[in-house]
Amino acid sequence: MRKISVLSILLVISGCKGKQANDNFPEFEFRSNPELLGEFINFGQFSLILPKNYNQIDLERFTQLKDGLKNKLNLFFNIELMKAFSAKGNSVILISRIDEENVFLKLDDAYFDYLSSIPETDSIRKSSFKLNGIKTVQYQINSKTYTSIKLFLFIDNIYCLDYTVTNSLFDNKLVEFESCLSTLKIEEKLIK
């Protein structure tokens, strides 16, 4: 009888730990305004609808940006820039795939220190949540001139949505970006 009690207690404790881990990713829902949305984009494993007035940057600028990210000496993750969109030079959305193992474990104090070492960084906030069923880790990096929001999406591969906007437009653009994020979804073939 004592063995059964001990086993029951261990199962309850194990169950609590599993549930607690899920609490690290509470379900989160962003505001949505369909009037602010434009083009539907599919990235293979996920899709979203961009805010209006965001256009894919031209091939020359994309290549420069991609090469710049690959050649950056202090880059924390090995990333592959997939697409880049901008709105009149005052904000940009970058979609990248991270080609590394154990990304979740690397989003720790070392990554926070890396972000803090970037010139002009004033503050950093980290949060974790589920966005439309996708485990997501978010970093908001504030500087004197711009704000950057990095969303790490844990699907089959790891993706990073990097949204950067000038501080003077942040409040107005945030509703657009939230509307865009509300459309984020995993492709049906991956759900099965």
Protein backbone atom coordinates (compact mmCIF):
# COMPACT_ATOMS: atom_id res chain seq x y z
CA MET A 1 0.00 0.00 0.00
CA ARG A 2 2.85 2.35 0.87
CA LYS A 3 4.44 1.76 -2.58
CA ILE A 4 1.17 2.69 -4.28
CA SER A 5 0.95 5.92 -2.25
CA VAL A 6 4.53 6.87 -3.10
CA LEU A 7 3.89 6.07 -6.77
CA SER A 8 0.70 8.17 -6.74
CA ILE A 9 2.54 11.11 -5.20
CA LEU A 10 5.31 10.85 -7.81
CA LEU A 11 2.75 10.79 -10.62
CA VAL A 12 0.96 13.84 -9.21
CA ILE A 13 4.26 15.72 -8.84
CA SER A 14 5.31 14.75 -12.37
CA GLY A 15 1.94 15.87 -13.70
CA CYS A 16 2.26 19.22 -11.97
CA LYS A 17 5.69 19.82 -13.46
CA GLY A 18 4.38 19.08 -16.96
CA LYS A 19 1.50 21.46 -16.50
CA GLN A 20 3.73 24.14 -15.07
CA ALA A 21 5.93 23.98 -18.18
CA ASN A 22 2.85 24.64 -20.32
CA ASP A 23 2.07 27.66 -18.14
CA ASN A 24 5.31 29.20 -19.44
CA PHE A 25 3.48 29.55 -22.76
CA PRO A 26 0.02 30.93 -21.93
CA GLU A 27 -2.29 31.40 -24.91
CA PHE A 28 -2.11 34.99 -26.17
CA GLU A 29 -4.39 36.73 -28.63
CA PHE A 30 -3.41 39.89 -30.50
CA ARG A 31 -5.78 42.66 -31.54
CA SER A 32 -6.93 42.31 -35.11
CA ASN A 33 -8.10 44.94 -37.57
CA PRO A 34 -8.61 43.43 -41.06
CA GLU A 35 -8.68 46.94 -42.59
CA LEU A 36 -4.98 47.28 -41.77
CA LEU A 37 -4.00 44.07 -43.56
CA GLY A 38 -2.75 43.55 -47.09
CA GLU A 39 -0.90 40.70 -48.81
CA PHE A 40 -1.07 37.01 -47.77
CA ILE A 41 2.39 35.40 -47.58
CA ASN A 42 3.15 31.68 -47.24
CA PHE A 43 6.53 30.61 -45.85
CA GLY A 44 6.06 26.85 -46.23
CA GLN A 45 5.58 25.92 -42.58
CA PHE A 46 3.53 28.98 -41.66
CA SER A 47 1.69 31.88 -43.24
CA LEU A 48 0.54 35.37 -42.31
CA ILE A 49 -1.01 38.48 -43.81
CA LEU A 50 1.27 41.53 -43.92
CA PRO A 51 0.11 44.98 -42.88
CA LYS A 52 -0.96 47.23 -45.79
CA ASN A 53 1.76 49.34 -47.36
CA TYR A 54 4.50 46.79 -46.65
CA ASN A 55 6.34 45.76 -49.77
CA GLN A 56 9.02 43.18 -50.33
CA ILE A 57 12.37 44.93 -50.58
CA ASP A 58 14.08 44.78 -53.95
CA LEU A 59 16.56 42.01 -54.75
CA GLU A 60 19.65 44.24 -54.51
CA ARG A 61 18.76 45.53 -51.02
CA PHE A 62 17.70 42.04 -49.93
CA THR A 63 21.05 40.58 -51.03
CA GLN A 64 22.94 43.36 -49.20
CA LEU A 65 20.90 42.76 -46.05
CA LYS A 66 21.30 38.97 -46.26
CA ASP A 67 25.08 39.25 -46.80
CA GLY A 68 25.33 41.80 -43.99
CA LEU A 69 23.59 39.45 -41.57
CA LYS A 70 25.80 36.51 -42.56
CA ASN A 71 29.03 38.52 -42.32
CA LYS A 72 28.23 40.20 -39.03
CA LEU A 73 30.98 39.12 -36.63
CA ASN A 74 28.88 39.25 -33.47
CA LEU A 75 25.79 37.46 -34.76
CA PHE A 76 24.38 35.26 -31.99
CA PHE A 77 22.44 32.76 -34.13
CA ASN A 78 23.15 31.21 -37.52
CA ILE A 79 20.19 32.61 -39.48
CA GLU A 80 18.97 32.41 -43.05
CA LEU A 81 17.05 35.53 -44.06
CA MET A 82 14.01 34.37 -46.04
CA LYS A 83 12.06 37.57 -46.76
CA ALA A 84 12.20 41.25 -45.90
CA PHE A 85 9.43 43.84 -46.16
CA SER A 86 9.42 47.57 -45.48
CA ALA A 87 6.99 50.45 -45.28
CA LYS A 88 8.41 53.72 -46.61
CA GLY A 89 11.72 53.33 -44.80
CA ASN A 90 10.26 53.77 -41.32
CA SER A 91 9.68 50.12 -40.41
CA VAL A 92 10.79 46.69 -41.54
CA ILE A 93 9.69 43.08 -41.07
CA LEU A 94 12.37 40.40 -41.48
CA ILE A 95 11.51 36.69 -41.60
CA SER A 96 14.41 34.33 -40.94
CA ARG A 97 14.97 30.64 -40.31
CA ILE A 98 17.41 29.74 -37.55
CA ASP A 99 19.71 26.89 -38.55
CA GLU A 100 20.79 25.70 -35.10
CA GLU A 101 19.96 23.10 -32.49
CA ASN A 102 18.65 23.92 -29.00
CA VAL A 103 17.59 27.47 -29.82
CA PHE A 104 15.14 27.53 -26.92
CA LEU A 105 17.96 26.77 -24.47
CA LYS A 106 20.09 29.55 -25.98
CA LEU A 107 17.41 32.19 -25.36
CA ASP A 108 18.79 32.75 -21.88
CA ASP A 109 21.00 35.22 -20.03
CA ALA A 110 23.72 34.93 -22.70
CA TYR A 111 21.29 36.08 -25.41
CA PHE A 112 20.03 38.86 -23.14
CA ASP A 113 23.65 39.97 -22.60
CA TYR A 114 24.25 39.83 -26.37
CA LEU A 115 21.23 42.08 -27.00
CA SER A 116 22.36 44.43 -24.21
CA SER A 117 25.77 44.77 -25.87
CA ILE A 118 24.27 46.21 -29.06
CA PRO A 119 25.00 49.96 -29.19
CA GLU A 120 22.06 52.24 -28.31
CA THR A 121 20.12 49.50 -26.47
CA ASP A 122 18.18 51.11 -23.61
CA SER A 123 16.01 48.25 -22.37
CA ILE A 124 14.97 44.69 -23.16
CA ARG A 125 11.81 42.80 -22.21
CA LYS A 126 11.31 39.07 -22.65
CA SER A 127 8.05 37.13 -22.64
CA SER A 128 6.83 33.69 -23.68
CA PHE A 129 3.38 32.74 -24.95
CA LYS A 130 1.47 30.68 -27.48
CA LEU A 131 0.41 32.61 -30.55
CA ASN A 132 -2.34 30.76 -32.43
CA GLY A 133 -1.00 27.51 -30.94
CA ILE A 134 2.66 28.28 -31.77
CA LYS A 135 5.13 28.42 -28.88
CA THR A 136 6.70 31.86 -29.08
CA VAL A 137 9.47 33.68 -27.22
CA GLN A 138 9.45 37.46 -27.66
CA TYR A 139 12.16 40.03 -27.02
CA GLN A 140 11.34 43.72 -27.23
CA ILE A 141 14.48 45.81 -27.60
CA ASN A 142 14.13 49.55 -27.07
CA SER A 143 16.76 52.05 -28.15
CA LYS A 144 16.88 55.82 -28.42
CA THR A 145 15.68 55.85 -32.04
CA TYR A 146 13.88 52.56 -32.71
CA THR A 147 12.08 49.59 -31.17
CA SER A 148 12.65 46.04 -32.35
CA ILE A 149 10.39 43.09 -31.55
CA LYS A 150 11.89 39.65 -32.14
CA LEU A 151 9.50 36.72 -32.12
CA PHE A 152 11.04 33.24 -32.07
CA LEU A 153 8.48 30.75 -33.42
CA PHE A 154 8.93 27.11 -32.49
CA ILE A 155 7.33 25.07 -35.28
CA ASP A 156 9.20 22.15 -36.93
CA ASN A 157 12.02 24.58 -37.69
CA ILE A 158 12.71 27.70 -35.67
CA TYR A 159 11.80 31.02 -37.26
CA CYS A 160 12.38 34.61 -36.19
CA LEU A 161 10.04 37.45 -37.11
CA ASP A 162 11.92 40.68 -36.52
CA TYR A 163 9.84 43.84 -36.56
CA THR A 164 11.69 47.16 -36.29
CA VAL A 165 10.11 50.61 -36.32
CA THR A 166 11.20 54.15 -35.46
CA ASN A 167 10.09 55.20 -31.98
CA SER A 168 8.13 58.17 -33.29
CA LEU A 169 5.80 55.78 -35.17
CA PHE A 170 5.82 52.82 -32.78
CA ASP A 171 2.40 53.38 -31.19
CA ASN A 172 0.69 53.86 -34.57
CA LYS A 173 2.44 50.90 -36.21
CA LEU A 174 1.94 48.50 -33.30
CA VAL A 175 -1.74 47.93 -34.14
CA GLU A 176 -0.73 47.01 -37.72
CA PHE A 177 1.87 44.54 -36.50
CA GLU A 178 -0.51 42.98 -33.97
CA SER A 179 -3.12 42.57 -36.71
CA CYS A 180 -0.48 40.86 -38.84
CA LEU A 181 0.45 38.52 -35.99
CA SER A 182 -3.19 37.63 -35.40
CA THR A 183 -3.18 36.00 -38.87
CA LEU A 184 -0.11 33.85 -38.20
CA LYS A 185 -0.88 30.16 -38.57
CA ILE A 186 0.83 26.84 -39.05
CA GLU A 187 0.12 25.22 -42.39
CA GLU A 188 -2.55 22.50 -42.21
CA LYS A 189 -0.25 19.69 -43.35
CA LEU A 190 1.89 20.24 -40.24
CA ILE A 191 -1.06 20.09 -37.85
CA LYS A 192 -2.02 16.52 -38.80
